[in-house]
Amino acid sequence: MSNLNVSQRSLRAQSALSTNKVLRNTYALLSVTLIFSAFMAMVSTMMNVGYGASLA
């Protein structure tokens, strides 16, 4: 019985670690995207580019 409990605990720990890794990677990608968007908004503001200029 104790071996089963240890096995279940290790599976839960592995599951929690993989979930944490996925969340960490998701938030890292989100932050990089947000930083890139802010940088591009700053560049377009400095260049005085209007909204939808790339569509013309």
PDB file of N, CA and C in Angstrom:
ATOM      1  N   MET A   1       0.815  -1.191   0.000  1.00  0.00           N
ATOM      2  CA  MET A   1       0.000   0.000   0.000  1.00  0.00           C
ATOM      3  C   MET A   1       0.862   1.259   0.000  1.00  0.00           C
ATOM      4  N   SER A   2       1.949   1.260   0.755  1.00  0.00           N
ATOM      5  CA  SER A   2       2.771   2.464   0.809  1.00  0.00           C
ATOM      6  C   SER A   2       3.493   2.695  -0.511  1.00  0.00           C
ATOM      7  N   ASN A   3       3.842   1.610  -1.229  1.00  0.00           N
ATOM      8  CA  ASN A   3       4.474   1.781  -2.536  1.00  0.00           C
ATOM      9  C   ASN A   3       3.522   2.452  -3.518  1.00  0.00           C
ATOM     10  N   LEU A   4       2.257   2.122  -3.437  1.00  0.00           N
ATOM     11  CA  LEU A   4       1.260   2.730  -4.311  1.00  0.00           C
ATOM     12  C   LEU A   4       1.131   4.217  -4.002  1.00  0.00           C
ATOM     13  N   ASN A   5       1.133   4.573  -2.735  1.00  0.00           N
ATOM     14  CA  ASN A   5       1.027   5.977  -2.358  1.00  0.00           C
ATOM     15  C   ASN A   5       2.238   6.766  -2.836  1.00  0.00           C
ATOM     16  N   VAL A   6       3.418   6.171  -2.722  1.00  0.00           N
ATOM     17  CA  VAL A   6       4.631   6.841  -3.186  1.00  0.00           C
ATOM     18  C   VAL A   6       4.574   7.021  -4.696  1.00  0.00           C
ATOM     19  N   SER A   7       4.097   6.008  -5.392  1.00  0.00           N
ATOM     20  CA  SER A   7       3.980   6.085  -6.848  1.00  0.00           C
ATOM     21  C   SER A   7       2.984   7.161  -7.259  1.00  0.00           C
ATOM     22  N   GLN A   8       1.860   7.223  -6.576  1.00  0.00           N
ATOM     23  CA  GLN A   8       0.859   8.240  -6.890  1.00  0.00           C
ATOM     24  C   GLN A   8       1.403   9.636  -6.614  1.00  0.00           C
ATOM     25  N   ARG A   9       2.148   9.773  -5.529  1.00  0.00           N
ATOM     26  CA  ARG A   9       2.723  11.080  -5.202  1.00  0.00           C
ATOM     27  C   ARG A   9       3.723  11.516  -6.256  1.00  0.00           C
ATOM     28  N   SER A  10       4.545  10.586  -6.714  1.00  0.00           N
ATOM     29  CA  SER A  10       5.539  10.965  -7.717  1.00  0.00           C
ATOM     30  C   SER A  10       4.866  11.321  -9.039  1.00  0.00           C
ATOM     31  N   LEU A  11       3.784  10.617  -9.390  1.00  0.00           N
ATOM     32  CA  LEU A  11       3.054  10.965 -10.610  1.00  0.00           C
ATOM     33  C   LEU A  11       2.402  12.337 -10.492  1.00  0.00           C
ATOM     34  N   ARG A  12       1.851  12.634  -9.330  1.00  0.00           N
ATOM     35  CA  ARG A  12       1.241  13.947  -9.122  1.00  0.00           C
ATOM     36  C   ARG A  12       2.299  15.040  -9.167  1.00  0.00           C
ATOM     37  N   ALA A  13       3.456  14.772  -8.583  1.00  0.00           N
ATOM     38  CA  ALA A  13       4.533  15.756  -8.598  1.00  0.00           C
ATOM     39  C   ALA A  13       5.018  16.001 -10.024  1.00  0.00           C
ATOM     40  N   GLN A  14       5.157  14.936 -10.802  1.00  0.00           N
ATOM     41  CA  GLN A  14       5.582  15.088 -12.197  1.00  0.00           C
ATOM     42  C   GLN A  14       4.539  15.856 -12.998  1.00  0.00           C
ATOM     43  N   SER A  15       3.283  15.573 -12.738  1.00  0.00           N
ATOM     44  CA  SER A  15       2.208  16.274 -13.435  1.00  0.00           C
ATOM     45  C   SER A  15       2.217  17.760 -13.081  1.00  0.00           C
ATOM     46  N   ALA A  16       2.410  18.059 -11.815  1.00  0.00           N
ATOM     47  CA  ALA A  16       2.456  19.456 -11.383  1.00  0.00           C
ATOM     48  C   ALA A  16       3.655  20.171 -11.993  1.00  0.00           C
ATOM     49  N   LEU A  17       4.797  19.495 -12.059  1.00  0.00           N
ATOM     50  CA  LEU A  17       5.984  20.110 -12.645  1.00  0.00           C
ATOM     51  C   LEU A  17       5.794  20.387 -14.129  1.00  0.00           C
ATOM     52  N   SER A  18       5.192  19.453 -14.838  1.00  0.00           N
ATOM     53  CA  SER A  18       4.976  19.677 -16.271  1.00  0.00           C
ATOM     54  C   SER A  18       3.956  20.784 -16.499  1.00  0.00           C
ATOM     55  N   THR A  19       2.940  20.863 -15.652  1.00  0.00           N
ATOM     56  CA  THR A  19       1.962  21.947 -15.758  1.00  0.00           C
ATOM     57  C   THR A  19       2.628  23.287 -15.503  1.00  0.00           C
ATOM     58  N   ASN A  20       3.485  23.350 -14.486  1.00  0.00           N
ATOM     59  CA  ASN A  20       4.205  24.588 -14.191  1.00  0.00           C
ATOM     60  C   ASN A  20       5.107  24.990 -15.348  1.00  0.00           C
ATOM     61  N   LYS A  21       5.748  24.018 -15.975  1.00  0.00           N
ATOM     62  CA  LYS A  21       6.633  24.304 -17.106  1.00  0.00           C
ATOM     63  C   LYS A  21       5.842  24.869 -18.281  1.00  0.00           C
ATOM     64  N   VAL A  22       4.688  24.291 -18.563  1.00  0.00           N
ATOM     65  CA  VAL A  22       3.849  24.781 -19.658  1.00  0.00           C
ATOM     66  C   VAL A  22       3.383  26.203 -19.371  1.00  0.00           C
ATOM     67  N   LEU A  23       2.937  26.459 -18.147  1.00  0.00           N
ATOM     68  CA  LEU A  23       2.492  27.807 -17.793  1.00  0.00           C
ATOM     69  C   LEU A  23       3.636  28.811 -17.876  1.00  0.00           C
ATOM     70  N   ARG A  24       4.808  28.422 -17.413  1.00  0.00           N
ATOM     71  CA  ARG A  24       5.972  29.303 -17.464  1.00  0.00           C
ATOM     72  C   ARG A  24       6.318  29.643 -18.916  1.00  0.00           C
ATOM     73  N   ASN A  25       6.308  28.639 -19.787  1.00  0.00           N
ATOM     74  CA  ASN A  25       6.606  28.883 -21.199  1.00  0.00           C
ATOM     75  C   ASN A  25       5.537  29.745 -21.859  1.00  0.00           C
ATOM     76  N   THR A  26       4.282  29.534 -21.493  1.00  0.00           N
ATOM     77  CA  THR A  26       3.193  30.326 -22.057  1.00  0.00           C
ATOM     78  C   THR A  26       3.331  31.790 -21.671  1.00  0.00           C
ATOM     79  N   TYR A  27       3.586  32.058 -20.400  1.00  0.00           N
ATOM     80  CA  TYR A  27       3.746  33.441 -19.957  1.00  0.00           C
ATOM     81  C   TYR A  27       5.007  34.075 -20.522  1.00  0.00           C
ATOM     82  N   ALA A  28       6.065  33.299 -20.725  1.00  0.00           N
ATOM     83  CA  ALA A  28       7.280  33.835 -21.348  1.00  0.00           C
ATOM     84  C   ALA A  28       6.994  34.255 -22.783  1.00  0.00           C
ATOM     85  N   LEU A  29       6.289  33.420 -23.526  1.00  0.00           N
ATOM     86  CA  LEU A  29       5.942  33.754 -24.903  1.00  0.00           C
ATOM     87  C   LEU A  29       5.018  34.967 -24.955  1.00  0.00           C
ATOM     88  N   LEU A  30       4.076  35.044 -24.049  1.00  0.00           N
ATOM     89  CA  LEU A  30       3.173  36.187 -23.988  1.00  0.00           C
ATOM     90  C   LEU A  30       3.941  37.472 -23.693  1.00  0.00           C
ATOM     91  N   SER A  31       4.890  37.423 -22.777  1.00  0.00           N
ATOM     92  CA  SER A  31       5.653  38.621 -22.433  1.00  0.00           C
ATOM     93  C   SER A  31       6.541  39.067 -23.586  1.00  0.00           C
ATOM     94  N   VAL A  32       7.149  38.116 -24.296  1.00  0.00           N
ATOM     95  CA  VAL A  32       7.976  38.474 -25.451  1.00  0.00           C
ATOM     96  C   VAL A  32       7.119  39.122 -26.533  1.00  0.00           C
ATOM     97  N   THR A  33       5.934  38.595 -26.758  1.00  0.00           N
ATOM     98  CA  THR A  33       5.026  39.161 -27.749  1.00  0.00           C
ATOM     99  C   THR A  33       4.599  40.570 -27.362  1.00  0.00           C
ATOM    100  N   LEU A  34       4.307  40.773 -26.089  1.00  0.00           N
ATOM    101  CA  LEU A  34       3.896  42.090 -25.617  1.00  0.00           C
ATOM    102  C   LEU A  34       5.030  43.101 -25.731  1.00  0.00           C
ATOM    103  N   ILE A  35       6.242  42.692 -25.405  1.00  0.00           N
ATOM    104  CA  ILE A  35       7.405  43.580 -25.525  1.00  0.00           C
ATOM    105  C   ILE A  35       7.629  43.954 -26.985  1.00  0.00           C
ATOM    106  N   PHE A  36       7.535  42.981 -27.883  1.00  0.00           N
ATOM    107  CA  PHE A  36       7.695  43.258 -29.314  1.00  0.00           C
ATOM    108  C   PHE A  36       6.624  44.231 -29.799  1.00  0.00           C
ATOM    109  N   SER A  37       5.385  44.024 -29.388  1.00  0.00           N
ATOM    110  CA  SER A  37       4.295  44.912 -29.809  1.00  0.00           C
ATOM    111  C   SER A  37       4.507  46.328 -29.293  1.00  0.00           C
ATOM    112  N   ALA A  38       4.943  46.451 -28.057  1.00  0.00           N
ATOM    113  CA  ALA A  38       5.202  47.778 -27.494  1.00  0.00           C
ATOM    114  C   ALA A  38       6.343  48.470 -28.235  1.00  0.00           C
ATOM    115  N   PHE A  39       7.377  47.721 -28.564  1.00  0.00           N
ATOM    116  CA  PHE A  39       8.507  48.285 -29.302  1.00  0.00           C
ATOM    117  C   PHE A  39       8.069  48.753 -30.685  1.00  0.00           C
ATOM    118  N   MET A  40       7.286  47.935 -31.378  1.00  0.00           N
ATOM    119  CA  MET A  40       6.814  48.317 -32.709  1.00  0.00           C
ATOM    120  C   MET A  40       5.866  49.517 -32.639  1.00  0.00           C
ATOM    121  N   ALA A  41       5.057  49.603 -31.594  1.00  0.00           N
ATOM    122  CA  ALA A  41       4.179  50.763 -31.424  1.00  0.00           C
ATOM    123  C   ALA A  41       5.008  52.023 -31.203  1.00  0.00           C
ATOM    124  N   MET A  42       6.080  51.906 -30.429  1.00  0.00           N
ATOM    125  CA  MET A  42       6.963  53.045 -30.188  1.00  0.00           C
ATOM    126  C   MET A  42       7.641  53.482 -31.491  1.00  0.00           C
ATOM    127  N   VAL A  43       8.123  52.522 -32.269  1.00  0.00           N
ATOM    128  CA  VAL A  43       8.780  52.843 -33.540  1.00  0.00           C
ATOM    129  C   VAL A  43       7.800  53.521 -34.493  1.00  0.00           C
ATOM    130  N   SER A  44       6.599  52.994 -34.605  1.00  0.00           N
ATOM    131  CA  SER A  44       5.628  53.595 -35.526  1.00  0.00           C
ATOM    132  C   SER A  44       5.201  54.985 -35.059  1.00  0.00           C
ATOM    133  N   THR A  45       5.159  55.198 -33.755  1.00  0.00           N
ATOM    134  CA  THR A  45       4.829  56.525 -33.238  1.00  0.00           C
ATOM    135  C   THR A  45       5.949  57.508 -33.552  1.00  0.00           C
ATOM    136  N   MET A  46       7.182  57.077 -33.396  1.00  0.00           N
ATOM    137  CA  MET A  46       8.323  57.949 -33.682  1.00  0.00           C
ATOM    138  C   MET A  46       8.414  58.269 -35.179  1.00  0.00           C
ATOM    139  N   MET A  47       8.000  57.333 -36.015  1.00  0.00           N
ATOM    140  CA  MET A  47       8.036  57.545 -37.464  1.00  0.00           C
ATOM    141  C   MET A  47       6.771  58.249 -37.960  1.00  0.00           C
ATOM    142  N   ASN A  48       5.833  58.505 -37.069  1.00  0.00           N
ATOM    143  CA  ASN A  48       4.570  59.162 -37.387  1.00  0.00           C
ATOM    144  C   ASN A  48       3.795  58.386 -38.457  1.00  0.00           C
ATOM    145  N   VAL A  49       3.720  57.092 -38.277  1.00  0.00           N
ATOM    146  CA  VAL A  49       2.985  56.224 -39.191  1.00  0.00           C
ATOM    147  C   VAL A  49       1.547  56.131 -38.695  1.00  0.00           C
ATOM    148  N   GLY A  50       0.606  56.330 -39.592  1.00  0.00           N
ATOM    149  CA  GLY A  50      -0.798  56.284 -39.217  1.00  0.00           C
ATOM    150  C   GLY A  50      -1.320  54.862 -39.113  1.00  0.00           C
ATOM    151  N   TYR A  51      -2.524  54.755 -38.594  1.00  0.00           N
ATOM    152  CA  TYR A  51      -3.166  53.449 -38.447  1.00  0.00           C
ATOM    153  C   TYR A  51      -3.479  52.866 -39.815  1.00  0.00           C
ATOM    154  N   GLY A  52      -3.147  51.601 -40.027  1.00  0.00           N
ATOM    155  CA  GLY A  52      -3.456  50.920 -41.278  1.00  0.00           C
ATOM    156  C   GLY A  52      -2.532  51.292 -42.429  1.00  0.00           C
ATOM    157  N   ALA A  53      -1.372  51.865 -42.142  1.00  0.00           N
ATOM    158  CA  ALA A  53      -0.457  52.296 -43.198  1.00  0.00           C
ATOM    159  C   ALA A  53       0.061  51.118 -44.011  1.00  0.00           C
ATOM    160  N   SER A  54       0.187  49.972 -43.403  1.00  0.00           N
ATOM    161  CA  SER A  54       0.709  48.817 -44.136  1.00  0.00           C
ATOM    162  C   SER A  54      -0.334  48.226 -45.078  1.00  0.00           C
ATOM    163  N   LEU A  55      -1.586  48.622 -44.924  1.00  0.00           N
ATOM    164  CA  LEU A  55      -2.653  48.098 -45.772  1.00  0.00           C
ATOM    165  C   LEU A  55      -2.781  48.873 -47.081  1.00  0.00           C
ATOM    166  N   ALA A  56      -2.158  50.035 -47.143  1.00  0.00           N
ATOM    167  CA  ALA A  56      -2.304  50.894 -48.332  1.00  0.00           C
ATOM    168  C   ALA A  56      -1.435  50.451 -49.475  1.00  0.00           C
TER     169      ALA A  56
END
